[in-house]
PDB file of N, CA and C in Angstrom:
ATOM      1  N   UNK A   1      31.063 -30.929   0.760  1.00  0.00           N
ATOM      2  CA  UNK A   1      30.715 -31.324  -0.751  1.00  0.00           C
ATOM      3  C   UNK A   1      30.369 -30.008  -1.309  1.00  0.00           C
ATOM      4  N   UNK A   2      31.089 -29.358  -1.863  1.00  0.00           N
ATOM      5  CA  UNK A   2      30.732 -28.107  -2.567  1.00  0.00           C
ATOM      6  C   UNK A   2      29.975 -28.215  -3.920  1.00  0.00           C
ATOM      7  N   UNK A   3      30.004 -29.178  -4.468  1.00  0.00           N
ATOM      8  CA  UNK A   3      29.330 -29.360  -5.874  1.00  0.00           C
ATOM      9  C   UNK A   3      28.341 -30.526  -6.108  1.00  0.00           C
ATOM     10  N   UNK A   4      27.419 -30.002  -6.801  1.00  0.00           N
ATOM     11  CA  UNK A   4      26.301 -31.243  -6.872  1.00  0.00           C
ATOM     12  C   UNK A   4      26.495 -31.728  -8.469  1.00  0.00           C
ATOM     13  N   UNK A   5      27.067 -31.067  -9.356  1.00  0.00           N
ATOM     14  CA  UNK A   5      27.436 -31.484 -10.578  1.00  0.00           C
ATOM     15  C   UNK A   5      28.378 -32.778 -10.821  1.00  0.00           C
ATOM     16  N   UNK A   6      28.073 -33.804 -11.450  1.00  0.00           N
ATOM     17  CA  UNK A   6      29.039 -34.774 -11.773  1.00  0.00           C
ATOM     18  C   UNK A   6      29.668 -34.486 -13.228  1.00  0.00           C
ATOM     19  N   UNK A   7      31.127 -34.712 -13.107  1.00  0.00           N
ATOM     20  CA  UNK A   7      31.900 -34.550 -14.314  1.00  0.00           C
ATOM     21  C   UNK A   7      31.388 -35.208 -15.713  1.00  0.00           C
ATOM     22  N   UNK A   8      30.632 -36.456 -15.361  1.00  0.00           N
ATOM     23  CA  UNK A   8      30.164 -37.183 -16.368  1.00  0.00           C
ATOM     24  C   UNK A   8      28.939 -37.776 -16.149  1.00  0.00           C
ATOM     25  N   UNK A   9      27.818 -36.885 -16.154  1.00  0.00           N
ATOM     26  CA  UNK A   9      26.457 -37.411 -15.759  1.00  0.00           C
ATOM     27  C   UNK A   9      25.965 -38.776 -16.523  1.00  0.00           C
ATOM     28  N   UNK A  10      26.346 -38.714 -17.675  1.00  0.00           N
ATOM     29  CA  UNK A  10      25.862 -39.677 -18.667  1.00  0.00           C
ATOM     30  C   UNK A  10      26.411 -41.198 -18.103  1.00  0.00           C
ATOM     31  N   UNK A  11      27.306 -41.249 -17.263  1.00  0.00           N
ATOM     32  CA  UNK A  11      27.729 -42.354 -16.773  1.00  0.00           C
ATOM     33  C   UNK A  11      27.289 -42.869 -15.522  1.00  0.00           C
ATOM     34  N   UNK A  12      26.348 -42.135 -15.000  1.00  0.00           N
ATOM     35  CA  UNK A  12      25.705 -42.407 -13.632  1.00  0.00           C
ATOM     36  C   UNK A  12      24.788 -43.698 -13.822  1.00  0.00           C
ATOM     37  N   UNK A  13      24.317 -44.249 -12.708  1.00  0.00           N
ATOM     38  CA  UNK A  13      23.625 -45.461 -12.836  1.00  0.00           C
ATOM     39  C   UNK A  13      22.387 -45.453 -13.241  1.00  0.00           C
ATOM     40  N   UNK A  14      21.541 -44.329 -13.146  1.00  0.00           N
ATOM     41  CA  UNK A  14      20.144 -44.260 -13.592  1.00  0.00           C
ATOM     42  C   UNK A  14      19.832 -42.873 -13.837  1.00  0.00           C
ATOM     43  N   UNK A  15      18.717 -42.625 -14.613  1.00  0.00           N
ATOM     44  CA  UNK A  15      18.236 -41.293 -15.075  1.00  0.00           C
ATOM     45  C   UNK A  15      17.783 -40.480 -13.856  1.00  0.00           C
ATOM     46  N   UNK A  16      17.297 -41.016 -12.751  1.00  0.00           N
ATOM     47  CA  UNK A  16      17.041 -40.344 -11.441  1.00  0.00           C
ATOM     48  C   UNK A  16      18.123 -39.720 -11.004  1.00  0.00           C
ATOM     49  N   UNK A  17      19.106 -40.477 -10.691  1.00  0.00           N
ATOM     50  CA  UNK A  17      20.421 -40.001 -10.193  1.00  0.00           C
ATOM     51  C   UNK A  17      21.001 -38.849 -11.091  1.00  0.00           C
ATOM     52  N   UNK A  18      21.032 -38.951 -12.394  1.00  0.00           N
ATOM     53  CA  UNK A  18      21.574 -37.987 -13.250  1.00  0.00           C
ATOM     54  C   UNK A  18      20.666 -36.692 -13.078  1.00  0.00           C
ATOM     55  N   UNK A  19      19.401 -36.784 -13.082  1.00  0.00           N
ATOM     56  CA  UNK A  19      18.552 -35.625 -12.966  1.00  0.00           C
ATOM     57  C   UNK A  19      18.617 -34.938 -11.788  1.00  0.00           C
ATOM     58  N   UNK A  20      18.955 -35.673 -10.623  1.00  0.00           N
ATOM     59  CA  UNK A  20      19.273 -35.203  -9.367  1.00  0.00           C
ATOM     60  C   UNK A  20      20.541 -34.305  -9.214  1.00  0.00           C
ATOM     61  N   UNK A  21      21.531 -34.921  -9.900  1.00  0.00           N
ATOM     62  CA  UNK A  21      22.768 -34.081  -9.934  1.00  0.00           C
ATOM     63  C   UNK A  21      22.817 -32.952 -10.817  1.00  0.00           C
ATOM     64  N   UNK A  22      21.926 -32.844 -11.907  1.00  0.00           N
ATOM     65  CA  UNK A  22      21.949 -31.908 -12.776  1.00  0.00           C
ATOM     66  C   UNK A  22      20.858 -30.867 -12.544  1.00  0.00           C
ATOM     67  N   UNK A  23      20.051 -31.082 -11.462  1.00  0.00           N
ATOM     68  CA  UNK A  23      19.051 -30.111 -11.074  1.00  0.00           C
ATOM     69  C   UNK A  23      19.451 -28.542 -10.979  1.00  0.00           C
ATOM     70  N   UNK A  24      18.911 -27.750 -11.578  1.00  0.00           N
ATOM     71  CA  UNK A  24      19.185 -26.230 -11.273  1.00  0.00           C
ATOM     72  C   UNK A  24      17.865 -25.686 -10.872  1.00  0.00           C
ATOM     73  N   UNK A  25      18.106 -24.909  -9.727  1.00  0.00           N
ATOM     74  CA  UNK A  25      16.936 -24.243  -9.192  1.00  0.00           C
ATOM     75  C   UNK A  25      16.894 -22.637  -9.503  1.00  0.00           C
ATOM     76  N   UNK A  26      15.573 -22.200  -9.871  1.00  0.00           N
ATOM     77  CA  UNK A  26      15.466 -20.770 -10.365  1.00  0.00           C
ATOM     78  C   UNK A  26      15.509 -20.024  -9.123  1.00  0.00           C
ATOM     79  N   UNK A  27      15.233 -20.471  -7.838  1.00  0.00           N
ATOM     80  CA  UNK A  27      15.164 -19.622  -6.841  1.00  0.00           C
ATOM     81  C   UNK A  27      16.527 -19.644  -5.840  1.00  0.00           C
ATOM     82  N   UNK A  28      17.219 -20.653  -6.010  1.00  0.00           N
ATOM     83  CA  UNK A  28      18.369 -20.811  -5.220  1.00  0.00           C
ATOM     84  C   UNK A  28      19.727 -21.112  -6.105  1.00  0.00           C
ATOM     85  N   UNK A  29      20.723 -20.412  -5.879  1.00  0.00           N
ATOM     86  CA  UNK A  29      21.776 -20.426  -6.341  1.00  0.00           C
ATOM     87  C   UNK A  29      22.756 -21.703  -5.839  1.00  0.00           C
ATOM     88  N   UNK A  30      22.604 -21.896  -4.587  1.00  0.00           N
ATOM     89  CA  UNK A  30      23.303 -22.886  -3.872  1.00  0.00           C
ATOM     90  C   UNK A  30      22.531 -23.904  -3.819  1.00  0.00           C
ATOM     91  N   UNK A  31      22.947 -25.252  -4.138  1.00  0.00           N
ATOM     92  CA  UNK A  31      22.046 -26.450  -3.966  1.00  0.00           C
ATOM     93  C   UNK A  31      21.712 -26.657  -2.333  1.00  0.00           C
ATOM     94  N   UNK A  32      22.695 -26.261  -1.508  1.00  0.00           N
ATOM     95  CA  UNK A  32      22.509 -26.722  -0.160  1.00  0.00           C
ATOM     96  C   UNK A  32      21.508 -25.741   0.473  1.00  0.00           C
ATOM     97  N   UNK A  33      20.918 -24.797  -0.225  1.00  0.00           N
ATOM     98  CA  UNK A  33      19.868 -23.854   0.387  1.00  0.00           C
ATOM     99  C   UNK A  33      18.571 -24.184  -0.344  1.00  0.00           C
ATOM    100  N   UNK A  34      18.572 -25.180  -1.410  1.00  0.00           N
ATOM    101  CA  UNK A  34      17.272 -25.439  -2.075  1.00  0.00           C
ATOM    102  C   UNK A  34      16.856 -26.563  -1.555  1.00  0.00           C
ATOM    103  N   UNK A  35      15.538 -26.549  -0.992  1.00  0.00           N
ATOM    104  CA  UNK A  35      14.971 -27.847  -0.443  1.00  0.00           C
ATOM    105  C   UNK A  35      14.648 -28.935  -1.401  1.00  0.00           C
ATOM    106  N   UNK A  36      14.669 -28.650  -2.713  1.00  0.00           N
ATOM    107  CA  UNK A  36      14.394 -29.556  -3.637  1.00  0.00           C
ATOM    108  C   UNK A  36      15.835 -30.406  -4.276  1.00  0.00           C
ATOM    109  N   UNK A  37      16.962 -29.892  -3.852  1.00  0.00           N
ATOM    110  CA  UNK A  37      18.125 -30.490  -4.091  1.00  0.00           C
ATOM    111  C   UNK A  37      18.485 -31.591  -3.007  1.00  0.00           C
ATOM    112  N   UNK A  38      18.578 -32.801  -3.582  1.00  0.00           N
ATOM    113  CA  UNK A  38      18.776 -33.934  -2.639  1.00  0.00           C
ATOM    114  C   UNK A  38      20.121 -34.555  -2.686  1.00  0.00           C
ATOM    115  N   UNK A  39      20.895 -34.492  -3.627  1.00  0.00           N
ATOM    116  CA  UNK A  39      22.159 -35.298  -3.808  1.00  0.00           C
ATOM    117  C   UNK A  39      23.315 -34.269  -4.065  1.00  0.00           C
ATOM    118  N   UNK A  40      24.375 -34.522  -3.407  1.00  0.00           N
ATOM    119  CA  UNK A  40      25.615 -33.692  -3.656  1.00  0.00           C
ATOM    120  C   UNK A  40      26.614 -34.632  -4.148  1.00  0.00           C
ATOM    121  N   UNK A  41      27.708 -34.158  -4.977  1.00  0.00           N
ATOM    122  CA  UNK A  41      28.682 -34.897  -5.411  1.00  0.00           C
ATOM    123  C   UNK A  41      30.083 -34.194  -5.029  1.00  0.00           C
ATOM    124  N   UNK A  42      30.886 -35.051  -4.516  1.00  0.00           N
ATOM    125  CA  UNK A  42      32.321 -34.297  -4.267  1.00  0.00           C
ATOM    126  C   UNK A  42      33.288 -34.934  -5.148  1.00  0.00           C
ATOM    127  N   UNK A  43      33.712 -34.172  -6.066  1.00  0.00           N
ATOM    128  CA  UNK A  43      34.760 -34.676  -7.096  1.00  0.00           C
ATOM    129  C   UNK A  43      36.020 -35.005  -6.541  1.00  0.00           C
ATOM    130  N   UNK A  44      36.562 -34.403  -5.567  1.00  0.00           N
ATOM    131  CA  UNK A  44      37.924 -34.380  -5.169  1.00  0.00           C
ATOM    132  C   UNK A  44      37.989 -35.996  -4.253  1.00  0.00           C
ATOM    133  N   UNK A  45      36.721 -36.205  -3.792  1.00  0.00           N
ATOM    134  CA  UNK A  45      36.845 -37.555  -2.949  1.00  0.00           C
ATOM    135  C   UNK A  45      36.013 -38.604  -3.804  1.00  0.00           C
ATOM    136  N   UNK A  46      35.492 -38.405  -4.904  1.00  0.00           N
ATOM    137  CA  UNK A  46      34.580 -39.140  -5.670  1.00  0.00           C
ATOM    138  C   UNK A  46      33.479 -39.799  -4.721  1.00  0.00           C
ATOM    139  N   UNK A  47      32.793 -38.859  -3.960  1.00  0.00           N
ATOM    140  CA  UNK A  47      31.755 -39.378  -3.103  1.00  0.00           C
ATOM    141  C   UNK A  47      30.356 -38.721  -3.362  1.00  0.00           C
ATOM    142  N   UNK A  48      29.398 -39.546  -3.008  1.00  0.00           N
ATOM    143  CA  UNK A  48      28.150 -38.999  -3.152  1.00  0.00           C
ATOM    144  C   UNK A  48      27.460 -38.801  -1.847  1.00  0.00           C
ATOM    145  N   UNK A  49      26.569 -37.840  -1.598  1.00  0.00           N
ATOM    146  CA  UNK A  49      26.015 -37.593  -0.251  1.00  0.00           C
ATOM    147  C   UNK A  49      24.471 -37.193  -0.516  1.00  0.00           C
ATOM    148  N   UNK A  50      23.855 -37.378   0.575  1.00  0.00           N
ATOM    149  CA  UNK A  50      22.321 -36.803   0.785  1.00  0.00           C
ATOM    150  C   UNK A  50      22.709 -35.549   1.462  1.00  0.00           C
ATOM    151  N   UNK A  51      22.120 -34.437   0.900  1.00  0.00           N
ATOM    152  CA  UNK A  51      22.078 -32.975   1.427  1.00  0.00           C
ATOM    153  C   UNK A  51      21.359 -33.086   2.723  1.00  0.00           C
ATOM    154  N   UNK A  52      21.839 -32.660   3.815  1.00  0.00           N
ATOM    155  CA  UNK A  52      21.157 -32.493   5.140  1.00  0.00           C
ATOM    156  C   UNK A  52      20.804 -31.019   5.165  1.00  0.00           C
ATOM    157  N   UNK A  53      19.536 -30.767   5.032  1.00  0.00           N
ATOM    158  CA  UNK A  53      19.071 -29.471   5.062  1.00  0.00           C
ATOM    159  C   UNK A  53      18.785 -28.928   6.380  1.00  0.00           C
ATOM    160  N   UNK A  54      20.058 -28.407   6.994  1.00  0.00           N
ATOM    161  CA  UNK A  54      19.876 -28.002   8.224  1.00  0.00           C
ATOM    162  C   UNK A  54      20.706 -26.459   8.337  1.00  0.00           C
ATOM    163  N   UNK A  55      20.666 -25.888   7.339  1.00  0.00           N
ATOM    164  CA  UNK A  55      21.364 -24.477   7.242  1.00  0.00           C
ATOM    165  C   UNK A  55      22.832 -24.443   6.981  1.00  0.00           C
ATOM    166  N   UNK A  56      23.375 -25.708   6.962  1.00  0.00           N
ATOM    167  CA  UNK A  56      24.849 -25.818   6.677  1.00  0.00           C
ATOM    168  C   UNK A  56      25.213 -26.420   5.278  1.00  0.00           C
ATOM    169  N   UNK A  57      26.444 -27.057   5.243  1.00  0.00           N
ATOM    170  CA  UNK A  57      26.717 -27.871   4.216  1.00  0.00           C
ATOM    171  C   UNK A  57      27.085 -29.277   4.495  1.00  0.00           C
ATOM    172  N   UNK A  58      26.115 -29.816   5.290  1.00  0.00           N
ATOM    173  CA  UNK A  58      26.205 -31.144   5.677  1.00  0.00           C
ATOM    174  C   UNK A  58      25.669 -32.307   4.842  1.00  0.00           C
ATOM    175  N   UNK A  59      26.296 -33.322   4.668  1.00  0.00           N
ATOM    176  CA  UNK A  59      25.898 -34.433   3.850  1.00  0.00           C
ATOM    177  C   UNK A  59      26.007 -35.647   4.640  1.00  0.00           C
ATOM    178  N   UNK A  60      25.258 -36.811   4.304  1.00  0.00           N
ATOM    179  CA  UNK A  60      25.423 -38.247   4.630  1.00  0.00           C
ATOM    180  C   UNK A  60      25.687 -38.998   3.445  1.00  0.00           C
ATOM    181  N   UNK A  61      26.994 -39.365   3.529  1.00  0.00           N
ATOM    182  CA  UNK A  61      27.726 -40.130   2.482  1.00  0.00           C
ATOM    183  C   UNK A  61      26.960 -41.305   2.162  1.00  0.00           C
ATOM    184  N   UNK A  62      26.781 -41.575   1.020  1.00  0.00           N
ATOM    185  CA  UNK A  62      26.044 -42.772   0.487  1.00  0.00           C
ATOM    186  C   UNK A  62      26.927 -43.550  -0.440  1.00  0.00           C
ATOM    187  N   UNK A  63      26.874 -44.973  -0.379  1.00  0.00           N
ATOM    188  CA  UNK A  63      27.563 -45.875  -1.106  1.00  0.00           C
ATOM    189  C   UNK A  63      26.700 -46.608  -2.273  1.00  0.00           C
ATOM    190  N   UNK A  64      25.466 -46.429  -2.116  1.00  0.00           N
ATOM    191  CA  UNK A  64      24.498 -47.080  -3.225  1.00  0.00           C
ATOM    192  C   UNK A  64      23.408 -46.012  -3.724  1.00  0.00           C
ATOM    193  N   UNK A  65      23.161 -46.047  -5.048  1.00  0.00           N
ATOM    194  CA  UNK A  65      22.107 -45.135  -5.314  1.00  0.00           C
ATOM    195  C   UNK A  65      20.769 -45.450  -4.678  1.00  0.00           C
ATOM    196  N   UNK A  66      20.095 -44.317  -4.204  1.00  0.00           N
ATOM    197  CA  UNK A  66      18.902 -44.290  -3.268  1.00  0.00           C
ATOM    198  C   UNK A  66      17.840 -44.841  -4.378  1.00  0.00           C
ATOM    199  N   UNK A  67      17.858 -44.595  -5.471  1.00  0.00           N
ATOM    200  CA  UNK A  67      16.771 -45.078  -6.516  1.00  0.00           C
ATOM    201  C   UNK A  67      16.819 -46.690  -7.161  1.00  0.00           C
ATOM    202  N   UNK A  68      18.118 -46.763  -7.722  1.00  0.00           N
ATOM    203  CA  UNK A  68      18.056 -48.107  -8.265  1.00  0.00           C
ATOM    204  C   UNK A  68      18.851 -48.995  -7.416  1.00  0.00           C
ATOM    205  N   UNK A  69      19.675 -48.646  -6.224  1.00  0.00           N
ATOM    206  CA  UNK A  69      20.488 -49.567  -5.568  1.00  0.00           C
ATOM    207  C   UNK A  69      21.910 -49.883  -6.065  1.00  0.00           C
ATOM    208  N   UNK A  70      22.473 -49.341  -7.227  1.00  0.00           N
ATOM    209  CA  UNK A  70      23.491 -49.698  -7.670  1.00  0.00           C
ATOM    210  C   UNK A  70      24.759 -49.176  -6.756  1.00  0.00           C
ATOM    211  N   UNK A  71      25.753 -49.957  -6.798  1.00  0.00           N
ATOM    212  CA  UNK A  71      26.948 -49.323  -5.885  1.00  0.00           C
ATOM    213  C   UNK A  71      27.561 -48.100  -6.499  1.00  0.00           C
ATOM    214  N   UNK A  72      27.828 -47.273  -5.778  1.00  0.00           N
ATOM    215  CA  UNK A  72      28.468 -45.925  -6.178  1.00  0.00           C
ATOM    216  C   UNK A  72      30.001 -45.959  -6.098  1.00  0.00           C
ATOM    217  N   UNK A  73      30.456 -46.797  -5.814  1.00  0.00           N
ATOM    218  CA  UNK A  73      32.039 -46.965  -5.507  1.00  0.00           C
ATOM    219  C   UNK A  73      32.561 -47.287  -6.902  1.00  0.00           C
ATOM    220  N   UNK A  74      33.835 -46.506  -7.050  1.00  0.00           N
ATOM    221  CA  UNK A  74      34.522 -46.862  -8.154  1.00  0.00           C
ATOM    222  C   UNK A  74      35.875 -47.459  -8.004  1.00  0.00           C
TER     223      UNK A  74
END
């Protein structure tokens, strides 16, 4: 999952999910290096994932919003 930006953030389930995907860090160019970046979005697969901060680019795919519980499947 290389991107965290969603192509249409206004269409997301809740403000918290939108804010998480639009987050920009002043100290880290790569969201996978920023400990405050929690969610990644992969546009090619239309999948959301929780970023695993293990030094790599790993995620745990999620099917529901961790904040409001809405299904993320389209």
